Structure formats: C-alpha cells, structure tokens
Amino acid sequence: MSAKIKKGDKVVVITGKDKGKKGAVLAVYPKENRALVQGVNIMKRHTKPSQTTTGGIVSREARINLSNLAIEDPKTGKPTRVGFKTLDDGRKVRVAKASGEMIDG
C-alpha cells in the first residue's frame, strides 16, 4: 500500500494544541505512525553544555501522530483526504479528494 503522507508534503494539523498550523513534513516514521512536521509540536529540551555546543534550552519539533495531520489541498490550501488514481501511463498518483487535484507532480 502507498503511503498517504510522505516526506516533503505540505500538511495541516487538524486537532490538538497546534490545530490549524501548516508545515512541511521533515520525516515520516511508519512503524510508529508518526511524522515530524516543521514548526509544529514544538518542545523545549534542556541540554548540557558539551565541547561543540553551549548548554541551555533548545526548542525543536517533536513527532506528531499521523491521525492528527491532513494533506493540504494544492488548490485551496485547506485540509483534504487523499485518494489514489492510476494514470494512462500506469503511474499510481495521490489525488486530493476535495478538489480532484494531483498531489504528486
């Protein structure tokens, strides 16, 4: 089965503390059913100083469950569900259910 959310996709958070935020997927973890999204689910990490970095409080993204994300419709920018379609040349592509627009280029 093809993945509905892939690295590089533009997604919208549909539930939780970051509801409504948009970002690009940095990484997907299919076994954990989670993804890392740029600028979403920010956590603060207290780090000790090392030889290369100074210590302090560092903000970074934490993984978010895939069920809390929806692909951004390429036409409207709103969240949409994903369907699949086979093209004439045999390629299987992802399609936005709301507008019918192709997600894969």
C-alpha atoms as a PDB file:
ATOM      1  CA  MET A   1       0.000   0.000   0.000  1.00  0.00           C
ATOM      2  CA  SER A   2       1.263   3.502  -0.827  1.00  0.00           C
ATOM      3  CA  ALA A   3       1.725   5.991   1.978  1.00  0.00           C
ATOM      4  CA  LYS A   4      -0.764   8.846   2.151  1.00  0.00           C
ATOM      5  CA  ILE A   5       1.694  11.262   3.800  1.00  0.00           C
ATOM      6  CA  LYS A   6       5.282  11.446   2.577  1.00  0.00           C
ATOM      7  CA  LYS A   7       8.392  13.495   3.310  1.00  0.00           C
ATOM      8  CA  GLY A   8       8.127  16.967   1.777  1.00  0.00           C
ATOM      9  CA  ASP A   9       4.309  17.093   1.769  1.00  0.00           C
ATOM     10  CA  LYS A  10       2.520  20.229   2.955  1.00  0.00           C
ATOM     11  CA  VAL A  11       0.205  19.253   5.815  1.00  0.00           C
ATOM     12  CA  VAL A  12      -2.324  20.900   8.159  1.00  0.00           C
ATOM     13  CA  VAL A  13      -2.777  19.925  11.819  1.00  0.00           C
ATOM     14  CA  ILE A  14      -6.461  19.075  12.269  1.00  0.00           C
ATOM     15  CA  THR A  15      -6.593  18.504  16.036  1.00  0.00           C
ATOM     16  CA  GLY A  16      -4.614  19.161  19.215  1.00  0.00           C
ATOM     17  CA  LYS A  17      -2.781  22.178  20.615  1.00  0.00           C
ATOM     18  CA  ASP A  18      -1.355  23.147  17.202  1.00  0.00           C
ATOM     19  CA  LYS A  19      -4.695  22.890  15.342  1.00  0.00           C
ATOM     20  CA  GLY A  20      -4.706  24.929  12.136  1.00  0.00           C
ATOM     21  CA  LYS A  21      -0.921  25.178  11.815  1.00  0.00           C
ATOM     22  CA  LYS A  22       0.650  24.285   8.477  1.00  0.00           C
ATOM     23  CA  GLY A  23       4.095  22.895   7.756  1.00  0.00           C
ATOM     24  CA  ALA A  24       6.212  20.623   5.610  1.00  0.00           C
ATOM     25  CA  VAL A  25       6.848  17.015   6.624  1.00  0.00           C
ATOM     26  CA  LEU A  26      10.518  16.580   7.544  1.00  0.00           C
ATOM     27  CA  ALA A  27      10.371  12.819   8.211  1.00  0.00           C
ATOM     28  CA  VAL A  28       7.803  10.012   8.458  1.00  0.00           C
ATOM     29  CA  TYR A  29       8.010   7.083  10.892  1.00  0.00           C
ATOM     30  CA  PRO A  30       5.528   4.485   9.561  1.00  0.00           C
ATOM     31  CA  LYS A  31       6.163   1.874  12.284  1.00  0.00           C
ATOM     32  CA  GLU A  32       5.274   4.422  14.986  1.00  0.00           C
ATOM     33  CA  ASN A  33       2.506   6.005  12.851  1.00  0.00           C
ATOM     34  CA  ARG A  34       4.097   9.427  13.423  1.00  0.00           C
ATOM     35  CA  ALA A  35       5.691  12.265  11.463  1.00  0.00           C
ATOM     36  CA  LEU A  36       7.990  15.208  12.123  1.00  0.00           C
ATOM     37  CA  VAL A  37       6.479  18.475  10.840  1.00  0.00           C
ATOM     38  CA  GLN A  38       8.348  21.760  10.537  1.00  0.00           C
ATOM     39  CA  GLY A  39       7.196  24.337  13.111  1.00  0.00           C
ATOM     40  CA  VAL A  40       4.573  22.053  14.693  1.00  0.00           C
ATOM     41  CA  ASN A  41       4.501  20.350  18.122  1.00  0.00           C
ATOM     42  CA  ILE A  42       7.452  22.358  19.465  1.00  0.00           C
ATOM     43  CA  MET A  43       9.032  21.040  22.654  1.00  0.00           C
ATOM     44  CA  LYS A  44      11.720  22.547  24.865  1.00  0.00           C
ATOM     45  CA  ARG A  45      14.798  20.454  25.577  1.00  0.00           C
ATOM     46  CA  HIS A  46      17.239  21.306  28.373  1.00  0.00           C
ATOM     47  CA  THR A  47      20.733  20.460  27.151  1.00  0.00           C
ATOM     48  CA  LYS A  48      24.034  20.277  28.988  1.00  0.00           C
ATOM     49  CA  PRO A  49      26.985  22.129  27.519  1.00  0.00           C
ATOM     50  CA  SER A  50      29.406  19.987  25.522  1.00  0.00           C
ATOM     51  CA  GLN A  51      32.636  20.706  23.647  1.00  0.00           C
ATOM     52  CA  THR A  52      30.734  21.637  20.497  1.00  0.00           C
ATOM     53  CA  THR A  53      27.534  23.264  21.806  1.00  0.00           C
ATOM     54  CA  THR A  54      26.642  25.639  24.587  1.00  0.00           C
ATOM     55  CA  GLY A  55      24.034  24.428  27.042  1.00  0.00           C
ATOM     56  CA  GLY A  56      20.606  25.918  27.513  1.00  0.00           C
ATOM     57  CA  ILE A  57      17.009  25.450  26.491  1.00  0.00           C
ATOM     58  CA  VAL A  58      16.627  24.344  22.875  1.00  0.00           C
ATOM     59  CA  SER A  59      13.280  24.355  21.045  1.00  0.00           C
ATOM     60  CA  ARG A  60      12.685  21.646  18.469  1.00  0.00           C
ATOM     61  CA  GLU A  61       9.882  19.730  16.806  1.00  0.00           C
ATOM     62  CA  ALA A  62       8.545  16.536  18.351  1.00  0.00           C
ATOM     63  CA  ARG A  63       6.876  13.737  16.404  1.00  0.00           C
ATOM     64  CA  ILE A  64       3.125  14.043  15.880  1.00  0.00           C
ATOM     65  CA  ASN A  65       0.613  11.276  15.191  1.00  0.00           C
ATOM     66  CA  LEU A  66      -0.405  10.874  11.544  1.00  0.00           C
ATOM     67  CA  SER A  67      -4.081  10.818  12.547  1.00  0.00           C
ATOM     68  CA  ASN A  68      -3.727  14.471  13.609  1.00  0.00           C
ATOM     69  CA  LEU A  69      -2.491  15.538  10.162  1.00  0.00           C
ATOM     70  CA  ALA A  70      -4.209  16.086   6.819  1.00  0.00           C
ATOM     71  CA  ILE A  71      -2.667  16.861   3.444  1.00  0.00           C
ATOM     72  CA  GLU A  72      -3.079  20.490   2.338  1.00  0.00           C
ATOM     73  CA  ASP A  73      -5.165  20.777  -0.828  1.00  0.00           C
ATOM     74  CA  PRO A  74      -2.898  22.169  -3.600  1.00  0.00           C
ATOM     75  CA  LYS A  75      -5.778  24.300  -4.939  1.00  0.00           C
ATOM     76  CA  THR A  76      -7.417  25.753  -1.808  1.00  0.00           C
ATOM     77  CA  GLY A  77      -4.841  25.254   0.968  1.00  0.00           C
ATOM     78  CA  LYS A  78      -7.454  23.587   3.185  1.00  0.00           C
ATOM     79  CA  PRO A  79      -7.125  20.084   4.694  1.00  0.00           C
ATOM     80  CA  THR A  80      -8.246  17.248   2.424  1.00  0.00           C
ATOM     81  CA  ARG A  81      -8.379  13.493   2.330  1.00  0.00           C
ATOM     82  CA  VAL A  82      -6.184  11.546  -0.072  1.00  0.00           C
ATOM     83  CA  GLY A  83      -7.241   9.146  -2.801  1.00  0.00           C
ATOM     84  CA  PHE A  84      -5.290   7.223  -5.413  1.00  0.00           C
ATOM     85  CA  LYS A  85      -5.626   7.203  -9.172  1.00  0.00           C
ATOM     86  CA  THR A  86      -3.814   5.268 -11.895  1.00  0.00           C
ATOM     87  CA  LEU A  87      -2.789   7.398 -14.865  1.00  0.00           C
ATOM     88  CA  ASP A  88      -2.810   6.278 -18.516  1.00  0.00           C
ATOM     89  CA  ASP A  89       0.933   5.598 -18.421  1.00  0.00           C
ATOM     90  CA  GLY A  90       0.467   3.224 -15.451  1.00  0.00           C
ATOM     91  CA  ARG A  91       1.722   5.505 -12.666  1.00  0.00           C
ATOM     92  CA  LYS A  92      -0.201   5.499  -9.383  1.00  0.00           C
ATOM     93  CA  VAL A  93      -0.597   9.045  -8.030  1.00  0.00           C
ATOM     94  CA  ARG A  94      -2.169  10.632  -4.972  1.00  0.00           C
ATOM     95  CA  VAL A  95      -5.198  12.848  -5.550  1.00  0.00           C
ATOM     96  CA  ALA A  96      -6.867  15.403  -3.251  1.00  0.00           C
ATOM     97  CA  LYS A  97     -10.448  14.240  -2.622  1.00  0.00           C
ATOM     98  CA  ALA A  98     -11.805  17.788  -2.189  1.00  0.00           C
ATOM     99  CA  SER A  99     -10.621  19.316  -5.475  1.00  0.00           C
ATOM    100  CA  GLY A 100      -9.516  16.300  -7.516  1.00  0.00           C
ATOM    101  CA  GLU A 101      -6.096  17.954  -7.933  1.00  0.00           C
ATOM    102  CA  MET A 102      -2.991  15.741  -8.195  1.00  0.00           C
ATOM    103  CA  ILE A 103      -0.680  15.873  -5.155  1.00  0.00           C
ATOM    104  CA  ASP A 104       2.276  14.049  -6.766  1.00  0.00           C
ATOM    105  CA  GLY A 105       3.865  16.011  -9.593  1.00  0.00           C
END
